[in-house]
Amino acid sequence: MRRLAACLAMISPCLAESVADDVPIGIEVVTGYRTEYVHRGFKLASDLIDVQLEAEIALSDEWILNLGGFYGTGTGSGDFSEASTFFDLRYDTDHWTAGFATTWRDYQDSFFADGFDLSPSFTWHLTDDWDLGTAIAYDTGDGGWYGNLEASWSKPIGESSFLSVKGGSSWTEDYYGSSGWNDLYARIAWTYAFNKSVAVTPFAGTSIPMGSSPERNRLFAGLWFEVTF
């Protein structure tokens, strides 16, 4: 919900007005494909197909609740799959956003372990185009810690699309064999909105391991198809 609703409000005044007039409950369905599933610098699967259902509830002008579920399955070698449910409470202002996300993940045919992921986060809205954010997460499945610092930029391109870029770095403590500086990562995406409810987003990204990571360089691409109600 956050990705498509934000882009619709950004790229066109008439679409922004439509979003603002909606009821304070929205539902987004996202399905997609990616050539590699890279999560926090770790490759979990090749040729992943996934679907996510998310509801966003505006509890007040500042408090926002997101909850939903995700399922992804690998179509390459192996029988990898991931099923998760999440609960994300955020306090959102014009200048900053603070949140706390709780996610339960269940894996099949993966070295990642089932468990809860607990993650507080904070984002500064530096300008209309630039954000700077940081987060830390504790994974009860592995018993390890993950943290990151990232910058993101987005810009409308005409009335129906926008470009977004994000990049950052992560560090770990006893997180699936990694302790220390984990990786550098980046992703570029272009979103085209057909109307106020339907959009498509091709994207490409990379993860470059640092000294503590057991991984190798990763380069991936994919496509999301997004529908809001």
Protein backbone atom coordinates (compact mmCIF):
# COMPACT_ATOMS: atom_id res chain seq x y z
CA MET A 1 0.00 0.00 0.00
CA ARG A 2 2.77 2.42 0.86
CA ARG A 3 4.56 2.09 -2.49
CA LEU A 4 1.62 2.56 -4.88
CA ALA A 5 -0.30 5.08 -2.76
CA ALA A 6 2.82 7.24 -2.48
CA CYS A 7 3.51 7.15 -6.21
CA LEU A 8 -0.09 7.97 -7.12
CA ALA A 9 -0.07 10.98 -4.80
CA MET A 10 3.26 12.11 -6.22
CA ILE A 11 2.84 11.94 -9.98
CA SER A 12 -0.42 13.75 -10.63
CA PRO A 13 -2.47 16.38 -8.76
CA CYS A 14 -5.75 14.77 -9.83
CA LEU A 15 -4.59 11.35 -8.66
CA ALA A 16 -3.37 12.86 -5.39
CA GLU A 17 -6.81 14.36 -4.85
CA SER A 18 -8.41 10.98 -5.50
CA VAL A 19 -6.14 9.30 -2.97
CA ALA A 20 -6.84 12.00 -0.38
CA ASP A 21 -10.59 11.53 -0.84
CA ASP A 22 -10.41 7.78 -0.20
CA VAL A 23 -11.58 6.20 3.05
CA PRO A 24 -8.78 5.79 5.65
CA ILE A 25 -8.50 2.06 4.85
CA GLY A 26 -6.77 0.89 1.70
CA ILE A 27 -5.82 -2.51 0.31
CA GLU A 28 -2.97 -3.24 -2.08
CA VAL A 29 -2.16 -6.46 -3.92
CA VAL A 30 1.31 -6.78 -5.44
CA THR A 31 2.52 -9.71 -7.51
CA GLY A 32 5.86 -9.94 -9.19
CA TYR A 33 8.87 -11.79 -10.51
CA ARG A 34 12.56 -11.32 -9.79
CA THR A 35 15.60 -13.07 -11.21
CA GLU A 36 17.12 -13.52 -7.75
CA TYR A 37 15.60 -13.12 -4.30
CA VAL A 38 18.22 -11.23 -2.29
CA HIS A 39 17.18 -10.46 1.29
CA ARG A 40 19.51 -8.32 3.42
CA GLY A 41 22.46 -9.27 1.25
CA PHE A 42 21.73 -13.02 1.25
CA LYS A 43 20.54 -14.87 -1.84
CA LEU A 44 17.60 -17.06 -0.81
CA ALA A 45 16.32 -18.19 -4.22
CA SER A 46 16.54 -17.80 -7.99
CA ASP A 47 13.61 -16.89 -10.25
CA LEU A 48 11.16 -15.98 -7.49
CA ILE A 49 7.44 -15.39 -8.06
CA ASP A 50 5.67 -13.69 -5.16
CA VAL A 51 2.41 -12.10 -4.12
CA GLN A 52 1.68 -9.71 -1.23
CA LEU A 53 -1.60 -8.53 0.23
CA GLU A 54 -1.43 -5.46 2.46
CA ALA A 55 -4.00 -3.30 4.23
CA GLU A 56 -3.22 0.25 5.38
CA ILE A 57 -5.35 1.81 8.10
CA ALA A 58 -5.09 5.49 9.02
CA LEU A 59 -5.71 5.48 12.77
CA SER A 60 -5.33 9.28 12.90
CA ASP A 61 -3.61 12.03 10.93
CA GLU A 62 -0.23 10.73 12.14
CA TRP A 63 -0.68 7.08 13.17
CA ILE A 64 -0.77 4.48 10.37
CA LEU A 65 -1.11 0.70 10.69
CA ASN A 66 -0.05 -1.69 7.92
CA LEU A 67 -0.73 -5.41 8.09
CA GLY A 68 -0.75 -8.22 5.58
CA GLY A 69 0.91 -11.32 4.24
CA PHE A 70 3.48 -12.41 1.67
CA TYR A 71 4.13 -15.65 -0.20
CA GLY A 72 6.99 -16.33 -2.55
CA THR A 73 8.15 -19.48 -4.29
CA GLY A 74 11.29 -20.19 -6.25
CA THR A 75 10.95 -21.52 -9.78
CA GLY A 76 14.61 -22.47 -10.17
CA SER A 77 16.45 -25.38 -8.60
CA GLY A 78 15.19 -26.48 -5.17
CA ASP A 79 11.82 -26.06 -3.52
CA PHE A 80 12.30 -22.73 -1.74
CA SER A 81 9.25 -20.92 -0.44
CA GLU A 82 8.58 -18.19 2.10
CA ALA A 83 5.30 -17.34 3.80
CA SER A 84 5.08 -14.37 6.14
CA THR A 85 2.66 -12.12 7.95
CA PHE A 86 3.51 -8.62 9.14
CA PHE A 87 2.29 -5.83 11.40
CA ASP A 88 3.79 -2.34 11.02
CA LEU A 89 2.79 0.65 13.17
CA ARG A 90 4.14 4.07 12.11
CA TYR A 91 3.98 7.66 13.31
CA ASP A 92 4.23 9.85 10.23
CA THR A 93 4.90 13.61 10.09
CA ASP A 94 6.02 15.98 7.35
CA HIS A 95 9.63 15.86 8.55
CA TRP A 96 10.14 12.33 9.92
CA THR A 97 8.56 8.90 10.34
CA ALA A 98 9.12 6.42 13.17
CA GLY A 99 7.86 2.86 13.08
CA PHE A 100 8.00 -0.62 14.53
CA ALA A 101 7.47 -3.70 12.34
CA THR A 102 6.80 -7.25 13.51
CA THR A 103 7.04 -10.05 10.93
CA TRP A 104 6.62 -13.81 11.22
CA ARG A 105 8.44 -15.78 8.49
CA ASP A 106 8.13 -19.46 7.63
CA TYR A 107 10.69 -20.92 5.20
CA GLN A 108 10.89 -24.13 3.22
CA ASP A 109 14.17 -25.42 1.75
CA SER A 110 16.19 -22.46 3.06
CA PHE A 111 19.14 -21.88 5.40
CA PHE A 112 17.09 -19.02 6.91
CA ALA A 113 15.16 -20.17 10.00
CA ASP A 114 11.51 -19.66 10.86
CA GLY A 115 10.82 -16.97 13.44
CA PHE A 116 9.83 -13.41 14.27
CA ASP A 117 11.64 -10.37 12.91
CA LEU A 118 11.32 -7.30 15.19
CA SER A 119 12.41 -4.01 13.66
CA PRO A 120 12.20 -0.38 14.84
CA SER A 121 12.99 2.24 12.18
CA PHE A 122 13.37 5.99 11.75
CA THR A 123 13.30 8.06 8.53
CA TRP A 124 14.11 11.73 8.02
CA HIS A 125 12.28 13.45 5.13
CA LEU A 126 15.08 15.77 4.11
CA THR A 127 13.28 17.28 1.10
CA ASP A 128 10.33 16.40 -1.12
CA ASP A 129 12.68 14.11 -3.07
CA TRP A 130 15.17 12.83 -0.48
CA ASP A 131 14.80 10.56 2.56
CA LEU A 132 17.44 9.24 4.94
CA GLY A 133 16.52 6.24 7.06
CA THR A 134 17.91 3.75 9.53
CA ALA A 135 16.59 0.53 11.06
CA ILE A 136 17.65 -2.34 13.26
CA ALA A 137 16.14 -5.82 13.33
CA TYR A 138 16.35 -8.83 15.62
CA ASP A 139 15.67 -12.25 14.05
CA THR A 140 14.44 -14.77 16.60
CA GLY A 141 14.96 -17.63 14.13
CA ASP A 142 18.71 -17.13 13.98
CA GLY A 143 19.10 -15.05 17.12
CA GLY A 144 21.07 -12.43 15.21
CA TRP A 145 20.95 -8.67 14.62
CA TYR A 146 20.79 -6.70 11.37
CA GLY A 147 20.99 -2.92 10.91
CA ASN A 148 21.13 -0.57 7.96
CA LEU A 149 21.46 3.05 6.90
CA GLU A 150 20.06 4.09 3.53
CA ALA A 151 19.18 7.10 1.40
CA SER A 152 16.35 7.19 -1.12
CA TRP A 153 15.40 9.59 -3.90
CA SER A 154 12.28 9.79 -6.05
CA LYS A 155 11.10 12.12 -8.78
CA PRO A 156 7.96 12.33 -10.95
CA ILE A 157 8.46 11.90 -14.70
CA GLY A 158 5.45 13.48 -16.30
CA GLU A 159 1.94 12.91 -14.96
CA SER A 160 1.86 9.11 -14.92
CA SER A 161 5.24 7.81 -13.77
CA PHE A 162 8.11 8.36 -11.40
CA LEU A 163 11.68 7.19 -10.89
CA SER A 164 13.04 6.03 -7.54
CA VAL A 165 16.54 5.13 -6.40
CA LYS A 166 17.75 3.88 -3.05
CA GLY A 167 21.13 2.84 -1.75
CA GLY A 168 22.61 1.94 1.58
CA SER A 169 24.84 -0.21 3.70
CA SER A 170 24.20 -2.81 6.38
CA TRP A 171 25.93 -4.34 9.36
CA THR A 172 25.25 -7.53 11.31
CA GLU A 173 25.91 -9.35 14.57
CA ASP A 174 25.70 -13.18 14.49
CA TYR A 175 23.30 -12.93 11.54
CA TYR A 176 23.47 -16.13 9.48
CA GLY A 177 27.25 -16.33 9.60
CA SER A 178 27.88 -12.58 9.28
CA SER A 179 29.20 -10.26 11.99
CA GLY A 180 30.40 -6.80 10.99
CA TRP A 181 30.04 -4.76 7.83
CA ASN A 182 27.66 -6.86 5.72
CA ASP A 183 27.00 -5.27 2.31
CA LEU A 184 26.45 -2.25 0.10
CA TYR A 185 23.19 -2.31 -1.83
CA ALA A 186 21.22 -0.27 -4.34
CA ARG A 187 18.01 -0.47 -6.37
CA ILE A 188 16.52 1.62 -9.16
CA ALA A 189 12.84 1.40 -10.12
CA TRP A 190 10.46 3.09 -12.55
CA THR A 191 6.74 3.10 -11.78
CA TYR A 192 4.04 3.77 -14.35
CA ALA A 193 0.48 4.31 -13.10
CA PHE A 194 -2.25 3.41 -15.59
CA ASN A 195 -4.83 5.06 -13.31
CA LYS A 196 -5.29 5.74 -9.58
CA SER A 197 -5.55 2.01 -8.82
CA VAL A 198 -3.17 0.14 -11.15
CA ALA A 199 0.60 0.48 -11.65
CA VAL A 200 3.55 -1.51 -12.92
CA THR A 201 7.15 -1.24 -11.69
CA PRO A 202 10.23 -2.71 -13.39
CA PHE A 203 13.32 -2.61 -11.19
CA ALA A 204 16.97 -3.65 -10.95
CA GLY A 205 19.27 -3.91 -7.97
CA THR A 206 22.57 -5.09 -6.60
CA SER A 207 24.17 -6.26 -3.37
CA ILE A 208 27.94 -6.09 -2.91
CA PRO A 209 29.25 -8.09 0.08
CA MET A 210 31.69 -6.54 2.52
CA GLY A 211 34.23 -8.25 4.78
CA SER A 212 31.87 -10.11 7.11
CA SER A 213 29.46 -11.44 4.47
CA PRO A 214 29.71 -15.05 3.25
CA GLU A 215 27.94 -14.05 0.02
CA ARG A 216 29.20 -12.87 -3.41
CA ASN A 217 28.21 -9.98 -5.67
CA ARG A 218 24.55 -10.08 -6.66
CA LEU A 219 22.76 -8.39 -9.55
CA PHE A 220 19.02 -8.89 -10.03
CA ALA A 221 16.01 -7.46 -11.84
CA GLY A 222 12.27 -7.92 -11.76
CA LEU A 223 8.78 -6.56 -12.25
CA TRP A 224 5.93 -5.73 -9.84
CA PHE A 225 2.27 -5.38 -10.80
CA GLU A 226 0.30 -3.38 -8.22
CA VAL A 227 -3.43 -2.92 -7.66
CA THR A 228 -5.08 -0.88 -4.89
CA PHE A 229 -8.68 -0.89 -3.72
